[in-house]
Full PDB file with SEQRES, HELIX, SHEET, SSBOND, CRYST1, ORIGX, SCALE, CONECT and MASTER records, all heavy atoms in Angstrom:
SEQRES   1 A   41  LEU LYS LYS VAL VAL GLU HIS LEU GLU LYS ALA LYS ALA          
SEQRES   2 A   41  TYR ALA ALA ASN GLY HIS GLN GLU ARG MET LEU THR GLN          
SEQRES   3 A   41  TYR ILE ALA SER PHE THR HIS GLY SER ILE GLU ALA HIS          
SEQRES   4 A   41  LYS GLU                                                      
HELIX    1 AA1 LYS A    2  LYS A   12  1                                  11    
HELIX    2 AA2 GLY A   18  HIS A   33  1                                  16    
HELIX    3 AA3 ILE A   36  LYS A   40  1                                   5    
CRYST1    1.000    1.000    1.000  90.00  90.00  90.00 P 1           1          
ORIGX1      1.000000  0.000000  0.000000        0.00000                         
ORIGX2      0.000000  1.000000  0.000000        0.00000                         
ORIGX3      0.000000  0.000000  1.000000        0.00000                         
SCALE1      1.000000  0.000000  0.000000        0.00000                         
SCALE2      0.000000  1.000000  0.000000        0.00000                         
SCALE3      0.000000  0.000000  1.000000        0.00000                         
ATOM      1  N   LEU A   1     100.040  97.323  98.771  1.00  0.00           N  
ATOM      2  CA  LEU A   1      99.641  96.974 100.137  1.00  0.00           C  
ATOM      3  C   LEU A   1      98.161  97.244 100.376  1.00  0.00           C  
ATOM      4  O   LEU A   1      97.532  96.576 101.216  1.00  0.00           O  
ATOM      5  CB  LEU A   1     100.502  97.733 101.144  1.00  0.00           C  
ATOM      6  CG  LEU A   1     101.979  97.318 101.169  1.00  0.00           C  
ATOM      7  CD1 LEU A   1     102.754  98.161 102.173  1.00  0.00           C  
ATOM      8  CD2 LEU A   1     102.127  95.842 101.505  1.00  0.00           C  
ATOM      9  N   LYS A   2      97.584  98.175  99.639  1.00  0.00           N  
ATOM     10  CA  LYS A   2      96.148  98.418  99.751  1.00  0.00           C  
ATOM     11  C   LYS A   2      95.370  97.169  99.349  1.00  0.00           C  
ATOM     12  O   LYS A   2      94.385  96.795  99.999  1.00  0.00           O  
ATOM     13  CB  LYS A   2      95.744  99.604  98.877  1.00  0.00           C  
ATOM     14  CG  LYS A   2      94.267  99.963  98.992  1.00  0.00           C  
ATOM     15  CD  LYS A   2      93.919 101.170  98.131  1.00  0.00           C  
ATOM     16  CE  LYS A   2      92.430 101.508  98.249  1.00  0.00           C  
ATOM     17  NZ  LYS A   2      92.064 102.661  97.385  1.00  0.00           N  
ATOM     18  N   LYS A   3      95.802  96.489  98.268  1.00  0.00           N  
ATOM     19  CA  LYS A   3      95.147  95.255  97.840  1.00  0.00           C  
ATOM     20  C   LYS A   3      95.378  94.130  98.854  1.00  0.00           C  
ATOM     21  O   LYS A   3      94.489  93.304  99.086  1.00  0.00           O  
ATOM     22  CB  LYS A   3      95.655  94.834  96.464  1.00  0.00           C  
ATOM     23  CG  LYS A   3      95.396  95.833  95.351  1.00  0.00           C  
ATOM     24  CD  LYS A   3      93.919  96.027  95.088  1.00  0.00           C  
ATOM     25  CE  LYS A   3      93.260  94.828  94.454  1.00  0.00           C  
ATOM     26  NZ  LYS A   3      91.847  95.077  94.076  1.00  0.00           N  
ATOM     27  N   VAL A   4      96.565  94.097  99.440  1.00  0.00           N  
ATOM     28  CA  VAL A   4      96.841  93.106 100.483  1.00  0.00           C  
ATOM     29  C   VAL A   4      95.855  93.277 101.630  1.00  0.00           C  
ATOM     30  O   VAL A   4      95.231  92.313 102.097  1.00  0.00           O  
ATOM     31  CB  VAL A   4      98.293  93.239 100.993  1.00  0.00           C  
ATOM     32  CG1 VAL A   4      98.528  92.313 102.190  1.00  0.00           C  
ATOM     33  CG2 VAL A   4      99.284  92.920  99.886  1.00  0.00           C  
ATOM     34  N   VAL A   5      95.697  94.506 102.080  1.00  0.00           N  
ATOM     35  CA  VAL A   5      94.816  94.797 103.209  1.00  0.00           C  
ATOM     36  C   VAL A   5      93.371  94.436 102.878  1.00  0.00           C  
ATOM     37  O   VAL A   5      92.637  93.894 103.722  1.00  0.00           O  
ATOM     38  CB  VAL A   5      94.948  96.282 103.613  1.00  0.00           C  
ATOM     39  CG1 VAL A   5      93.817  96.708 104.534  1.00  0.00           C  
ATOM     40  CG2 VAL A   5      96.295  96.514 104.291  1.00  0.00           C  
ATOM     41  N   GLU A   6      92.933  94.720 101.665  1.00  0.00           N  
ATOM     42  CA  GLU A   6      91.558  94.396 101.272  1.00  0.00           C  
ATOM     43  C   GLU A   6      91.269  92.906 101.445  1.00  0.00           C  
ATOM     44  O   GLU A   6      90.210  92.519 101.952  1.00  0.00           O  
ATOM     45  CB  GLU A   6      91.316  94.811  99.820  1.00  0.00           C  
ATOM     46  CG  GLU A   6      91.206  96.314  99.608  1.00  0.00           C  
ATOM     47  CD  GLU A   6      91.074  96.673  98.139  1.00  0.00           C  
ATOM     48  OE1 GLU A   6      90.983  95.739  97.301  1.00  0.00           O  
ATOM     49  OE2 GLU A   6      91.068  97.872  97.826  1.00  0.00           O  
ATOM     50  N   HIS A   7      92.197  92.066 101.038  1.00  0.00           N  
ATOM     51  CA  HIS A   7      91.953  90.626 101.139  1.00  0.00           C  
ATOM     52  C   HIS A   7      92.172  90.098 102.548  1.00  0.00           C  
ATOM     53  O   HIS A   7      91.531  89.108 102.943  1.00  0.00           O  
ATOM     54  CB  HIS A   7      92.800  89.880 100.113  1.00  0.00           C  
ATOM     55  CG  HIS A   7      92.207  89.926  98.741  1.00  0.00           C  
ATOM     56  ND1 HIS A   7      91.143  89.154  98.369  1.00  0.00           N  
ATOM     57  CD2 HIS A   7      92.507  90.696  97.667  1.00  0.00           C  
ATOM     58  CE1 HIS A   7      90.817  89.418  97.118  1.00  0.00           C  
ATOM     59  NE2 HIS A   7      91.630  90.350  96.666  1.00  0.00           N  
ATOM     60  N   LEU A   8      93.027  90.722 103.327  1.00  0.00           N  
ATOM     61  CA  LEU A   8      93.130  90.337 104.735  1.00  0.00           C  
ATOM     62  C   LEU A   8      91.834  90.661 105.462  1.00  0.00           C  
ATOM     63  O   LEU A   8      91.397  89.896 106.344  1.00  0.00           O  
ATOM     64  CB  LEU A   8      94.317  91.047 105.392  1.00  0.00           C  
ATOM     65  CG  LEU A   8      95.712  90.634 104.924  1.00  0.00           C  
ATOM     66  CD1 LEU A   8      96.777  91.440 105.649  1.00  0.00           C  
ATOM     67  CD2 LEU A   8      95.957  89.139 105.117  1.00  0.00           C  
ATOM     68  N   GLU A   9      91.202  91.773 105.115  1.00  0.00           N  
ATOM     69  CA  GLU A   9      89.902  92.126 105.700  1.00  0.00           C  
ATOM     70  C   GLU A   9      88.855  91.078 105.342  1.00  0.00           C  
ATOM     71  O   GLU A   9      88.050  90.664 106.184  1.00  0.00           O  
ATOM     72  CB  GLU A   9      89.446  93.504 105.208  1.00  0.00           C  
ATOM     73  CG  GLU A   9      90.210  94.684 105.802  1.00  0.00           C  
ATOM     74  CD  GLU A   9      89.761  95.039 107.216  1.00  0.00           C  
ATOM     75  OE1 GLU A   9      88.974  94.254 107.798  1.00  0.00           O  
ATOM     76  OE2 GLU A   9      90.208  96.073 107.736  1.00  0.00           O  
ATOM     77  N   LYS A  10      88.854  90.624 104.097  1.00  0.00           N  
ATOM     78  CA  LYS A  10      87.899  89.598 103.688  1.00  0.00           C  
ATOM     79  C   LYS A  10      88.171  88.277 104.387  1.00  0.00           C  
ATOM     80  O   LYS A  10      87.241  87.549 104.746  1.00  0.00           O  
ATOM     81  CB  LYS A  10      87.952  89.422 102.168  1.00  0.00           C  
ATOM     82  CG  LYS A  10      87.403  90.613 101.383  1.00  0.00           C  
ATOM     83  CD  LYS A  10      87.516  90.385  99.882  1.00  0.00           C  
ATOM     84  CE  LYS A  10      86.962  91.580  99.106  1.00  0.00           C  
ATOM     85  NZ  LYS A  10      87.076  91.397  97.636  1.00  0.00           N  
ATOM     86  N   ALA A  11      89.447  87.956 104.589  1.00  0.00           N  
ATOM     87  CA  ALA A  11      89.795  86.697 105.262  1.00  0.00           C  
ATOM     88  C   ALA A  11      89.298  86.682 106.706  1.00  0.00           C  
ATOM     89  O   ALA A  11      88.947  85.618 107.239  1.00  0.00           O  
ATOM     90  CB  ALA A  11      91.304  86.482 105.211  1.00  0.00           C  
ATOM     91  N   LYS A  12      89.252  87.849 107.348  1.00  0.00           N  
ATOM     92  CA  LYS A  12      88.822  87.919 108.750  1.00  0.00           C  
ATOM     93  C   LYS A  12      87.437  87.321 108.951  1.00  0.00           C  
ATOM     94  O   LYS A  12      87.141  86.751 109.997  1.00  0.00           O  
ATOM     95  CB  LYS A  12      88.832  89.369 109.241  1.00  0.00           C  
ATOM     96  CG  LYS A  12      90.193  89.879 109.672  1.00  0.00           C  
ATOM     97  CD  LYS A  12      90.145  91.347 110.067  1.00  0.00           C  
ATOM     98  CE  LYS A  12      89.267  91.603 111.259  1.00  0.00           C  
ATOM     99  NZ  LYS A  12      89.288  93.028 111.663  1.00  0.00           N  
ATOM    100  N   ALA A  13      86.571  87.460 107.944  1.00  0.00           N  
ATOM    101  CA  ALA A  13      85.205  86.948 108.071  1.00  0.00           C  
ATOM    102  C   ALA A  13      85.177  85.432 108.213  1.00  0.00           C  
ATOM    103  O   ALA A  13      84.176  84.872 108.677  1.00  0.00           O  
ATOM    104  CB  ALA A  13      84.378  87.375 106.861  1.00  0.00           C  
ATOM    105  N   TYR A  14      86.267  84.762 107.828  1.00  0.00           N  
ATOM    106  CA  TYR A  14      86.307  83.301 107.866  1.00  0.00           C  
ATOM    107  C   TYR A  14      87.355  82.784 108.843  1.00  0.00           C  
ATOM    108  O   TYR A  14      87.721  81.596 108.804  1.00  0.00           O  
ATOM    109  CB  TYR A  14      86.570  82.764 106.452  1.00  0.00           C  
ATOM    110  CG  TYR A  14      85.573  83.288 105.452  1.00  0.00           C  
ATOM    111  CD1 TYR A  14      85.909  84.331 104.587  1.00  0.00           C  
ATOM    112  CD2 TYR A  14      84.278  82.788 105.410  1.00  0.00           C  
ATOM    113  CE1 TYR A  14      84.988  84.848 103.688  1.00  0.00           C  
ATOM    114  CE2 TYR A  14      83.349  83.294 104.515  1.00  0.00           C  
ATOM    115  CZ  TYR A  14      83.710  84.322 103.661  1.00  0.00           C  
ATOM    116  OH  TYR A  14      82.780  84.823 102.782  1.00  0.00           O  
ATOM    117  N   ALA A  15      87.842  83.639 109.724  1.00  0.00           N  
ATOM    118  CA  ALA A  15      88.825  83.225 110.724  1.00  0.00           C  
ATOM    119  C   ALA A  15      88.218  82.158 111.629  1.00  0.00           C  
ATOM    120  O   ALA A  15      87.034  82.221 111.995  1.00  0.00           O  
ATOM    121  CB  ALA A  15      89.282  84.422 111.545  1.00  0.00           C  
ATOM    122  N   ALA A  16      89.019  81.185 112.005  1.00  0.00           N  
ATOM    123  CA  ALA A  16      88.524  80.053 112.793  1.00  0.00           C  
ATOM    124  C   ALA A  16      88.434  80.362 114.280  1.00  0.00           C  
ATOM    125  O   ALA A  16      87.730  79.667 115.015  1.00  0.00           O  
ATOM    126  CB  ALA A  16      89.427  78.838 112.568  1.00  0.00           C  
ATOM    127  N   ASN A  17      89.160  81.399 114.730  1.00  0.00           N  
ATOM    128  CA  ASN A  17      89.164  81.702 116.164  1.00  0.00           C  
ATOM    129  C   ASN A  17      89.622  83.140 116.387  1.00  0.00           C  
ATOM    130  O   ASN A  17      89.991  83.852 115.443  1.00  0.00           O  
ATOM    131  CB  ASN A  17      90.072  80.727 116.917  1.00  0.00           C  
ATOM    132  CG  ASN A  17      91.478  80.681 116.339  1.00  0.00           C  
ATOM    133  OD1 ASN A  17      92.138  81.710 116.190  1.00  0.00           O  
ATOM    134  ND2 ASN A  17      91.940  79.479 116.001  1.00  0.00           N  
ATOM    135  N   GLY A  18      89.601  83.551 117.645  1.00  0.00           N  
ATOM    136  CA  GLY A  18      89.962  84.921 117.989  1.00  0.00           C  
ATOM    137  C   GLY A  18      91.406  85.255 117.683  1.00  0.00           C  
ATOM    138  O   GLY A  18      91.717  86.401 117.317  1.00  0.00           O  
ATOM    139  N   HIS A  19      92.306  84.286 117.854  1.00  0.00           N  
ATOM    140  CA  HIS A  19      93.717  84.568 117.568  1.00  0.00           C  
ATOM    141  C   HIS A  19      93.912  84.896 116.091  1.00  0.00           C  
ATOM    142  O   HIS A  19      94.658  85.827 115.744  1.00  0.00           O  
ATOM    143  CB  HIS A  19      94.588  83.376 117.961  1.00  0.00           C  
ATOM    144  CG  HIS A  19      94.840  83.266 119.434  1.00  0.00           C  
ATOM    145  ND1 HIS A  19      95.314  84.319 120.185  1.00  0.00           N  
ATOM    146  CD2 HIS A  19      94.659  82.226 120.295  1.00  0.00           C  
ATOM    147  CE1 HIS A  19      95.437  83.937 121.454  1.00  0.00           C  
ATOM    148  NE2 HIS A  19      95.045  82.681 121.537  1.00  0.00           N  
ATOM    149  N   GLN A  20      93.267  84.139 115.222  1.00  0.00           N  
ATOM    150  CA  GLN A  20      93.389  84.434 113.793  1.00  0.00           C  
ATOM    151  C   GLN A  20      92.810  85.804 113.466  1.00  0.00           C  
ATOM    152  O   GLN A  20      93.392  86.557 112.681  1.00  0.00           O  
ATOM    153  CB  GLN A  20      92.684  83.351 112.969  1.00  0.00           C  
ATOM    154  CG  GLN A  20      93.408  82.017 112.962  1.00  0.00           C  
ATOM    155  CD  GLN A  20      92.731  80.974 112.089  1.00  0.00           C  
ATOM    156  OE1 GLN A  20      91.709  81.247 111.457  1.00  0.00           O  
ATOM    157  NE2 GLN A  20      93.288  79.770 112.051  1.00  0.00           N  
ATOM    158  N   GLU A  21      91.680  86.131 114.069  1.00  0.00           N  
ATOM    159  CA  GLU A  21      91.057  87.426 113.802  1.00  0.00           C  
ATOM    160  C   GLU A  21      91.942  88.565 114.285  1.00  0.00           C  
ATOM    161  O   GLU A  21      92.166  89.552 113.573  1.00  0.00           O  
ATOM    162  CB  GLU A  21      89.689  87.482 114.477  1.00  0.00           C  
ATOM    163  CG  GLU A  21      88.872  88.700 114.086  1.00  0.00           C  
ATOM    164  CD  GLU A  21      87.460  88.636 114.612  1.00  0.00           C  
ATOM    165  OE1 GLU A  21      87.026  87.555 115.076  1.00  0.00           O  
ATOM    166  OE2 GLU A  21      86.780  89.675 114.570  1.00  0.00           O  
ATOM    167  N   ARG A  22      92.484  88.442 115.506  1.00  0.00           N  
ATOM    168  CA  ARG A  22      93.355  89.504 116.042  1.00  0.00           C  
ATOM    169  C   ARG A  22      94.676  89.566 115.275  1.00  0.00           C  
ATOM    170  O   ARG A  22      95.248  90.643 115.089  1.00  0.00           O  
ATOM    171  CB  ARG A  22      93.584  89.276 117.539  1.00  0.00           C  
ATOM    172  CG  ARG A  22      92.342  89.541 118.380  1.00  0.00           C  
ATOM    173  CD  ARG A  22      92.623  89.483 119.862  1.00  0.00           C  
ATOM    174  NE  ARG A  22      92.853  88.135 120.336  1.00  0.00           N  
ATOM    175  CZ  ARG A  22      91.893  87.296 120.726  1.00  0.00           C  
ATOM    176  NH1 ARG A  22      90.622  87.659 120.670  1.00  0.00           N  
ATOM    177  NH2 ARG A  22      92.193  86.078 121.166  1.00  0.00           N  
ATOM    178  N   MET A  23      95.177  88.420 114.849  1.00  0.00           N  
ATOM    179  CA  MET A  23      96.388  88.377 114.022  1.00  0.00           C  
ATOM    180  C   MET A  23      96.187  89.200 112.756  1.00  0.00           C  
ATOM    181  O   MET A  23      97.015  90.059 112.408  1.00  0.00           O  
ATOM    182  CB  MET A  23      96.702  86.927 113.662  1.00  0.00           C  
ATOM    183  CG  MET A  23      97.772  86.719 112.610  1.00  0.00           C  
ATOM    184  SD  MET A  23      97.868  84.991 112.055  1.00  0.00           S  
ATOM    185  CE  MET A  23      96.462  84.925 110.934  1.00  0.00           C  
ATOM    186  N   LEU A  24      95.085  88.972 112.059  1.00  0.00           N  
ATOM    187  CA  LEU A  24      94.818  89.695 110.822  1.00  0.00           C  
ATOM    188  C   LEU A  24      94.598  91.178 111.081  1.00  0.00           C  
ATOM    189  O   LEU A  24      95.025  92.022 110.286  1.00  0.00           O  
ATOM    190  CB  LEU A  24      93.608  89.081 110.118  1.00  0.00           C  
ATOM    191  CG  LEU A  24      93.804  87.654 109.596  1.00  0.00           C  
ATOM    192  CD1 LEU A  24      92.508  87.112 109.022  1.00  0.00           C  
ATOM    193  CD2 LEU A  24      94.906  87.602 108.549  1.00  0.00           C  
ATOM    194  N   THR A  25      93.950  91.501 112.189  1.00  0.00           N  
ATOM    195  CA  THR A  25      93.749  92.913 112.544  1.00  0.00           C  
ATOM    196  C   THR A  25      95.084  93.627 112.696  1.00  0.00           C  
ATOM    197  O   THR A  25      95.268  94.759 112.215  1.00  0.00           O  
ATOM    198  CB  THR A  25      92.938  93.023 113.851  1.00  0.00           C  
ATOM    199  OG1 THR A  25      91.633  92.458 113.645  1.00  0.00           O  
ATOM    200  CG2 THR A  25      92.792  94.480 114.291  1.00  0.00           C  
ATOM    201  N   GLN A  26      96.029  92.965 113.347  1.00  0.00           N  
ATOM    202  CA  GLN A  26      97.345  93.578 113.550  1.00  0.00           C  
ATOM    203  C   GLN A  26      98.137  93.649 112.245  1.00  0.00           C  
ATOM    204  O   GLN A  26      98.838  94.635 111.992  1.00  0.00           O  
ATOM    205  CB  GLN A  26      98.127  92.798 114.605  1.00  0.00           C  
ATOM    206  CG  GLN A  26      97.557  92.896 116.008  1.00  0.00           C  
ATOM    207  CD  GLN A  26      97.616  94.308 116.564  1.00  0.00           C  
ATOM    208  OE1 GLN A  26      98.490  95.101 116.214  1.00  0.00           O  
ATOM    209  NE2 GLN A  26      96.660  94.647 117.415  1.00  0.00           N  
ATOM    210  N   TYR A  27      98.036  92.627 111.400  1.00  0.00           N  
ATOM    211  CA  TYR A  27      98.705  92.697 110.103  1.00  0.00           C  
ATOM    212  C   TYR A  27      98.163  93.864 109.281  1.00  0.00           C  
ATOM    213  O   TYR A  27      98.916  94.588 108.617  1.00  0.00           O  
ATOM    214  CB  TYR A  27      98.504  91.400 109.318  1.00  0.00           C  
ATOM    215  CG  TYR A  27      99.231  90.192 109.854  1.00  0.00           C  
ATOM    216  CD1 TYR A  27      98.897  88.913 109.415  1.00  0.00           C  
ATOM    217  CD2 TYR A  27     100.246  90.306 110.806  1.00  0.00           C  
ATOM    218  CE1 TYR A  27      99.550  87.788 109.889  1.00  0.00           C  
ATOM    219  CE2 TYR A  27     100.896  89.193 111.288  1.00  0.00           C  
ATOM    220  CZ  TYR A  27     100.549  87.932 110.832  1.00  0.00           C  
ATOM    221  OH  TYR A  27     101.205  86.826 111.312  1.00  0.00           O  
ATOM    222  N   ILE A  28      96.862  94.033 109.315  1.00  0.00           N  
ATOM    223  CA  ILE A  28      96.243  95.136 108.584  1.00  0.00           C  
ATOM    224  C   ILE A  28      96.771  96.470 109.105  1.00  0.00           C  
ATOM    225  O   ILE A  28      97.110  97.368 108.326  1.00  0.00           O  
ATOM    226  CB  ILE A  28      94.705  95.057 108.707  1.00  0.00           C  
ATOM    227  CG1 ILE A  28      94.189  93.860 107.889  1.00  0.00           C  
ATOM    228  CG2 ILE A  28      94.041  96.355 108.246  1.00  0.00           C  
ATOM    229  CD1 ILE A  28      92.758  93.470 108.211  1.00  0.00           C  
ATOM    230  N   ALA A  29      96.865  96.597 110.422  1.00  0.00           N  
ATOM    231  CA  ALA A  29      97.412  97.826 111.005  1.00  0.00           C  
ATOM    232  C   ALA A  29      98.859  98.032 110.592  1.00  0.00           C  
ATOM    233  O   ALA A  29      99.288  99.157 110.286  1.00  0.00           O  
ATOM    234  CB  ALA A  29      97.299  97.769 112.533  1.00  0.00           C  
ATOM    235  N   SER A  30      99.628  96.943 110.554  1.00  0.00           N  
ATOM    236  CA  SER A  30     101.039  97.045 110.178  1.00  0.00           C  
ATOM    237  C   SER A  30     101.197  97.548 108.753  1.00  0.00           C  
ATOM    238  O   SER A  30     101.959  98.483 108.488  1.00  0.00           O  
ATOM    239  CB  SER A  30     101.709  95.675 110.326  1.00  0.00           C  
ATOM    240  OG  SER A  30     103.035  95.704 109.836  1.00  0.00           O  
ATOM    241  N   PHE A  31     100.465  96.941 107.826  1.00  0.00           N  
ATOM    242  CA  PHE A  31     100.598  97.328 106.422  1.00  0.00           C  
ATOM    243  C   PHE A  31      99.965  98.691 106.148  1.00  0.00           C  
ATOM    244  O   PHE A  31     100.377  99.383 105.219  1.00  0.00           O  
ATOM    245  CB  PHE A  31      99.966  96.266 105.516  1.00  0.00           C  
ATOM    246  CG  PHE A  31     100.607  94.918 105.632  1.00  0.00           C  
ATOM    247  CD1 PHE A  31      99.844  93.759 105.607  1.00  0.00           C  
ATOM    248  CD2 PHE A  31     101.984  94.788 105.780  1.00  0.00           C  
ATOM    249  CE1 PHE A  31     100.431  92.505 105.716  1.00  0.00           C  
ATOM    250  CE2 PHE A  31     102.583  93.544 105.893  1.00  0.00           C  
ATOM    251  CZ  PHE A  31     101.800  92.398 105.867  1.00  0.00           C  
ATOM    252  N   THR A  32      98.990  99.068 106.946  1.00  0.00           N  
ATOM    253  CA  THR A  32      98.355 100.374 106.760  1.00  0.00           C  
ATOM    254  C   THR A  32      99.252 101.500 107.245  1.00  0.00           C  
ATOM    255  O   THR A  32      99.433 102.508 106.559  1.00  0.00           O  
ATOM    256  CB  THR A  32      97.004 100.425 107.497  1.00  0.00           C  
ATOM    257  OG1 THR A  32      96.142  99.399 106.979  1.00  0.00           O  
ATOM    258  CG2 THR A  32      96.339 101.778 107.312  1.00  0.00           C  
ATOM    259  N   HIS A  33      99.830 101.337 108.423  1.00  0.00           N  
ATOM    260  CA  HIS A  33     100.600 102.409 109.058  1.00  0.00           C  
ATOM    261  C   HIS A  33     102.115 102.278 108.882  1.00  0.00           C  
ATOM    262  O   HIS A  33     102.847 103.219 109.200  1.00  0.00           O  
ATOM    263  CB  HIS A  33     100.285 102.454 110.559  1.00  0.00           C  
ATOM    264  CG  HIS A  33      98.858 102.769 110.877  1.00  0.00           C  
ATOM    265  ND1 HIS A  33      98.350 104.042 110.836  1.00  0.00           N  
ATOM    266  CD2 HIS A  33      97.832 101.961 111.221  1.00  0.00           C  
ATOM    267  CE1 HIS A  33      97.066 104.011 111.155  1.00  0.00           C  
ATOM    268  NE2 HIS A  33      96.725 102.760 111.398  1.00  0.00           N  
ATOM    269  N   GLY A  34     102.589 101.125 108.439  1.00  0.00           N  
ATOM    270  CA  GLY A  34     104.033 100.930 108.337  1.00  0.00           C  
ATOM    271  C   GLY A  34     104.666 100.547 109.651  1.00  0.00           C  
ATOM    272  O   GLY A  34     105.835 100.848 109.899  1.00  0.00           O  
ATOM    273  N   SER A  35     103.906  99.864 110.509  1.00  0.00           N  
ATOM    274  CA  SER A  35     104.373  99.566 111.863  1.00  0.00           C  
ATOM    275  C   SER A  35     104.861  98.135 112.013  1.00  0.00           C  
ATOM    276  O   SER A  35     104.084  97.188 111.876  1.00  0.00           O  
ATOM    277  CB  SER A  35     103.229  99.809 112.862  1.00  0.00           C  
ATOM    278  OG  SER A  35     103.557  99.284 114.127  1.00  0.00           O  
ATOM    279  N   ILE A  36     106.128  97.955 112.329  1.00  0.00           N  
ATOM    280  CA  ILE A  36     106.656  96.635 112.647  1.00  0.00           C  
ATOM    281  C   ILE A  36     106.143  96.182 114.010  1.00  0.00           C  
ATOM    282  O   ILE A  36     105.926  94.985 114.238  1.00  0.00           O  
ATOM    283  CB  ILE A  36     108.196  96.635 112.600  1.00  0.00           C  
ATOM    284  CG1 ILE A  36     108.678  96.778 111.157  1.00  0.00           C  
ATOM    285  CG2 ILE A  36     108.767  95.344 113.203  1.00  0.00           C  
ATOM    286  CD1 ILE A  36     108.262  95.649 110.228  1.00  0.00           C  
ATOM    287  N   GLU A  37     105.911  97.114 114.917  1.00  0.00           N  
ATOM    288  CA  GLU A  37     105.375  96.737 116.227  1.00  0.00           C  
ATOM    289  C   GLU A  37     104.017  96.058 116.083  1.00  0.00           C  
ATOM    290  O   GLU A  37     103.713  95.089 116.785  1.00  0.00           O  
ATOM    291  CB  GLU A  37     105.274  97.960 117.140  1.00  0.00           C  
ATOM    292  CG  GLU A  37     106.612  98.479 117.629  1.00  0.00           C  
ATOM    293  CD  GLU A  37     107.440  97.408 118.325  1.00  0.00           C  
ATOM    294  OE1 GLU A  37     106.880  96.682 119.177  1.00  0.00           O  
ATOM    295  OE2 GLU A  37     108.639  97.280 118.016  1.00  0.00           O  
ATOM    296  N   ALA A  38     103.170  96.562 115.173  1.00  0.00           N  
ATOM    297  CA  ALA A  38     101.875  95.915 114.937  1.00  0.00           C  
ATOM    298  C   ALA A  38     102.073  94.527 114.337  1.00  0.00           C  
ATOM    299  O   ALA A  38     101.355  93.582 114.679  1.00  0.00           O  
ATOM    300  CB  ALA A  38     101.014  96.780 114.019  1.00  0.00           C  
ATOM    301  N   HIS A  39     103.056  94.396 113.445  1.00  0.00           N  
ATOM    302  CA  HIS A  39     103.316  93.075 112.857  1.00  0.00           C  
ATOM    303  C   HIS A  39     103.831  92.115 113.922  1.00  0.00           C  
ATOM    304  O   HIS A  39     103.494  90.924 113.910  1.00  0.00           O  
ATOM    305  CB  HIS A  39     104.323  93.189 111.712  1.00  0.00           C  
ATOM    306  CG  HIS A  39     104.370  91.968 110.846  1.00  0.00           C  
ATOM    307  ND1 HIS A  39     105.266  90.941 111.073  1.00  0.00           N  
ATOM    308  CD2 HIS A  39     103.622  91.593 109.777  1.00  0.00           C  
ATOM    309  CE1 HIS A  39     105.078  89.996 110.166  1.00  0.00           C  
ATOM    310  NE2 HIS A  39     104.083  90.362 109.366  1.00  0.00           N  
ATOM    311  N   LYS A  40     104.618  92.612 114.853  1.00  0.00           N  
ATOM    312  CA  LYS A  40     105.074  91.773 115.959  1.00  0.00           C  
ATOM    313  C   LYS A  40     103.895  91.284 116.793  1.00  0.00           C  
ATOM    314  O   LYS A  40     103.831  90.112 117.183  1.00  0.00           O  
ATOM    315  CB  LYS A  40     106.055  92.546 116.846  1.00  0.00           C  
ATOM    316  CG  LYS A  40     107.439  92.714 116.279  1.00  0.00           C  
ATOM    317  CD  LYS A  40     108.334  93.410 117.298  1.00  0.00           C  
ATOM    318  CE  LYS A  40     109.776  93.487 116.814  1.00  0.00           C  
ATOM    319  NZ  LYS A  40     110.656  94.123 117.821  1.00  0.00           N  
ATOM    320  N   GLU A  41     102.954  92.184 117.062  1.00  0.00           N  
ATOM    321  CA  GLU A  41     101.790  91.790 117.850  1.00  0.00           C  
ATOM    322  C   GLU A  41     100.963  90.760 117.089  1.00  0.00           C  
ATOM    323  O   GLU A  41     100.465  89.796 117.676  1.00  0.00           O  
ATOM    324  CB  GLU A  41     100.939  93.019 118.183  1.00  0.00           C  
ATOM    325  CG  GLU A  41      99.831  92.747 119.190  1.00  0.00           C  
ATOM    326  CD  GLU A  41     100.345  92.217 120.523  1.00  0.00           C  
ATOM    327  OE1 GLU A  41     101.479  92.574 120.936  1.00  0.00           O  
ATOM    328  OE2 GLU A  41      99.610  91.419 121.153  1.00  0.00           O  
TER     329      GLU A  41                                                      
MASTER        0    0    0    3    0    0    0    6  328    1    0    4          
END                                                                             
């Protein structure tokens, strides 16, 4: 999951809009902390 998060962070730099950027931010939080609530967001 550390490698997953690294590439999600890199993808954020090329997000097309705010929703994509916030989506990736929440996925990163989910995989970092183990939070399904963050993945839901």
